[in-house]
Protein backbone atom coordinates (compact mmCIF):
# COMPACT_ATOMS: atom_id res chain seq x y z
CA UNK A 1 19.20 -43.96 -19.43
CA UNK A 2 21.92 -41.75 -17.98
CA UNK A 3 19.82 -38.58 -18.31
CA UNK A 4 16.92 -40.39 -16.63
CA UNK A 5 19.17 -41.27 -13.64
CA UNK A 6 20.37 -37.68 -13.41
CA UNK A 7 16.76 -36.45 -13.49
CA UNK A 8 15.85 -38.88 -10.69
CA UNK A 9 18.77 -37.68 -8.56
CA UNK A 10 17.87 -34.01 -9.07
CA UNK A 11 14.23 -34.78 -8.26
CA UNK A 12 15.19 -36.63 -5.07
CA UNK A 13 17.43 -33.75 -3.96
CA UNK A 14 14.64 -31.25 -4.61
CA UNK A 15 12.13 -33.37 -2.69
CA UNK A 16 14.56 -33.86 0.20
CA UNK A 17 15.38 -30.18 0.58
CA UNK A 18 12.30 -28.62 -1.00
CA UNK A 19 12.37 -25.04 -2.12
CA UNK A 20 14.10 -23.83 1.01
CA UNK A 21 10.99 -23.88 3.15
CA UNK A 22 12.29 -26.84 5.13
CA UNK A 23 15.28 -24.77 6.21
CA UNK A 24 14.85 -23.30 9.70
CA UNK A 25 12.69 -20.21 9.51
CA UNK A 26 13.51 -16.95 11.21
CA UNK A 27 11.87 -16.82 14.64
CA UNK A 28 10.09 -13.50 15.15
CA UNK A 29 8.18 -12.59 18.30
CA UNK A 30 4.50 -11.72 17.98
CA UNK A 31 3.89 -7.99 17.82
CA UNK A 32 0.67 -6.12 17.13
CA UNK A 33 0.53 -4.53 13.69
CA UNK A 34 2.12 -1.08 13.82
CA UNK A 35 3.51 -1.57 17.32
CA UNK A 36 6.66 0.34 18.06
CA UNK A 37 7.52 -1.46 21.25
CA UNK A 38 10.84 -3.22 21.16
CA UNK A 39 12.40 -5.24 23.99
CA UNK A 40 15.37 -2.84 24.17
CA UNK A 41 13.31 0.37 24.07
CA UNK A 42 14.42 2.97 26.62
CA UNK A 43 11.30 5.00 27.32
CA UNK A 44 12.58 7.55 29.80
CA UNK A 45 13.86 10.90 28.62
CA UNK A 46 17.66 11.00 28.73
CA UNK A 47 20.15 13.83 28.81
CA UNK A 48 20.35 15.40 25.36
CA UNK A 49 16.81 14.40 24.29
CA UNK A 50 14.35 17.04 23.21
CA UNK A 51 10.90 16.54 24.68
CA UNK A 52 7.51 18.22 24.88
CA UNK A 53 4.07 17.61 26.27
CA UNK A 54 1.61 18.10 23.42
CA UNK A 55 -2.02 19.10 24.05
CA UNK A 56 -4.28 18.66 21.03
CA UNK A 57 -7.81 20.06 20.94
CA UNK A 58 -9.87 17.86 18.65
CA UNK A 59 -13.48 17.41 17.60
CA UNK A 60 -15.47 14.28 18.39
CA UNK A 61 -14.64 12.99 14.90
CA UNK A 62 -10.92 13.52 15.52
CA UNK A 63 -10.32 16.66 13.47
CA UNK A 64 -7.59 18.85 15.00
CA UNK A 65 -8.61 22.30 16.19
CA UNK A 66 -5.57 23.56 18.10
CA UNK A 67 -2.24 22.48 19.54
CA UNK A 68 -0.42 23.68 22.64
CA UNK A 69 2.99 22.82 24.04
CA UNK A 70 3.24 22.10 27.77
CA UNK A 71 6.42 21.19 29.62
CA UNK A 72 9.31 21.19 27.16
CA UNK A 73 13.01 21.77 26.72
CA UNK A 74 12.60 22.91 23.09
CA UNK A 75 13.60 26.55 23.02
CA UNK A 76 13.00 27.53 19.41
CA UNK A 77 9.48 28.77 18.69
CA UNK A 78 9.77 27.56 15.10
CA UNK A 79 10.68 24.04 16.32
CA UNK A 80 7.69 24.08 18.69
CA UNK A 81 5.49 25.14 15.79
CA UNK A 82 6.89 22.31 13.63
CA UNK A 83 6.20 19.73 16.36
CA UNK A 84 2.59 20.94 16.73
CA UNK A 85 2.11 21.00 12.98
CA UNK A 86 3.39 17.42 12.70
CA UNK A 87 0.98 16.21 15.39
CA UNK A 88 -1.94 18.02 13.82
CA UNK A 89 -1.27 16.73 10.31
CA UNK A 90 -0.89 13.06 11.26
CA UNK A 91 -3.71 10.88 12.52
CA UNK A 92 -1.70 8.73 14.92
CA UNK A 93 -3.38 10.30 17.94
CA UNK A 94 -6.96 9.71 16.78
CA UNK A 95 -7.37 6.60 18.91
CA UNK A 96 -7.44 8.96 21.90
CA UNK A 97 -10.77 10.45 20.82
CA UNK A 98 -13.51 8.68 22.74
CA UNK A 99 -17.25 8.61 22.44
CA UNK A 100 -17.38 10.32 25.83
CA UNK A 101 -16.41 13.64 24.26
CA UNK A 102 -18.46 16.43 25.86
CA UNK A 103 -21.54 17.83 24.13
CA UNK A 104 -19.42 20.75 22.96
CA UNK A 105 -17.82 18.23 20.60
CA UNK A 106 -14.33 19.31 21.67
CA UNK A 107 -11.81 17.46 23.82
CA UNK A 108 -8.11 17.70 24.63
CA UNK A 109 -5.71 14.83 24.10
CA UNK A 110 -2.27 14.80 25.70
CA UNK A 111 0.66 13.21 23.89
CA UNK A 112 4.41 13.10 24.48
CA UNK A 113 7.07 14.06 21.94
CA UNK A 114 10.65 12.86 22.36
CA UNK A 115 13.47 13.35 19.86
CA UNK A 116 16.41 11.17 20.85
CA UNK A 117 19.76 12.79 21.48
CA UNK A 118 23.08 11.07 20.83
CA UNK A 119 23.31 9.53 24.31
CA UNK A 120 19.85 7.96 23.97
CA UNK A 121 20.59 6.61 20.47
CA UNK A 122 23.85 5.04 21.68
CA UNK A 123 22.15 3.48 24.73
CA UNK A 124 19.44 1.88 22.56
CA UNK A 125 21.99 0.57 20.04
CA UNK A 126 23.86 -1.09 22.92
CA UNK A 127 20.63 -2.44 24.43
CA UNK A 128 19.61 -3.84 21.01
CA UNK A 129 22.97 -5.57 20.59
CA UNK A 130 22.73 -7.05 24.11
CA UNK A 131 19.16 -8.25 23.46
CA UNK A 132 20.19 -10.27 20.40
CA UNK A 133 23.20 -11.70 22.25
CA UNK A 134 20.89 -12.87 25.04
CA UNK A 135 18.18 -14.10 22.62
CA UNK A 136 19.90 -15.97 19.76
CA UNK A 137 16.56 -17.53 18.77
CA UNK A 138 15.31 -14.11 17.61
CA UNK A 139 16.69 -12.72 14.38
CA UNK A 140 17.54 -9.03 13.88
CA UNK A 141 15.72 -9.45 10.55
CA UNK A 142 12.46 -9.38 12.52
CA UNK A 143 12.94 -5.68 13.22
CA UNK A 144 13.36 -2.83 10.71
CA UNK A 145 16.74 -1.14 10.50
CA UNK A 146 17.13 1.63 13.01
CA UNK A 147 15.02 -0.09 15.68
């Protein structure tokens, strides 16, 4: 009889508290899949950042043909080459290719490249900390480390 009572008590505790799902869940704001917009994001270029305007020539199907660097503060030619190579080898810019591509089948897409300097990284860390202080209902667990 004693083991039966103990089983009843354990069962009642489990039913009362469930498997942890009745505990308050982490509140995460809605974000589109793959979105890199965060409430504390500082979009402007800051002192110490490296930046470049990237011009990609692509076919109507989105295949890269050429890359050019516009306005930039990147001095090293090898770093400029690496930035262009990175843009050409990833497909993140393909959404810029529209069906209105000229009959030649070639169009140019402009993108921006920014590599944060120390001042920018520090400013975003401080803005992130302030955001969570001002929004206690949102958990830092909703955002990957480093963002």
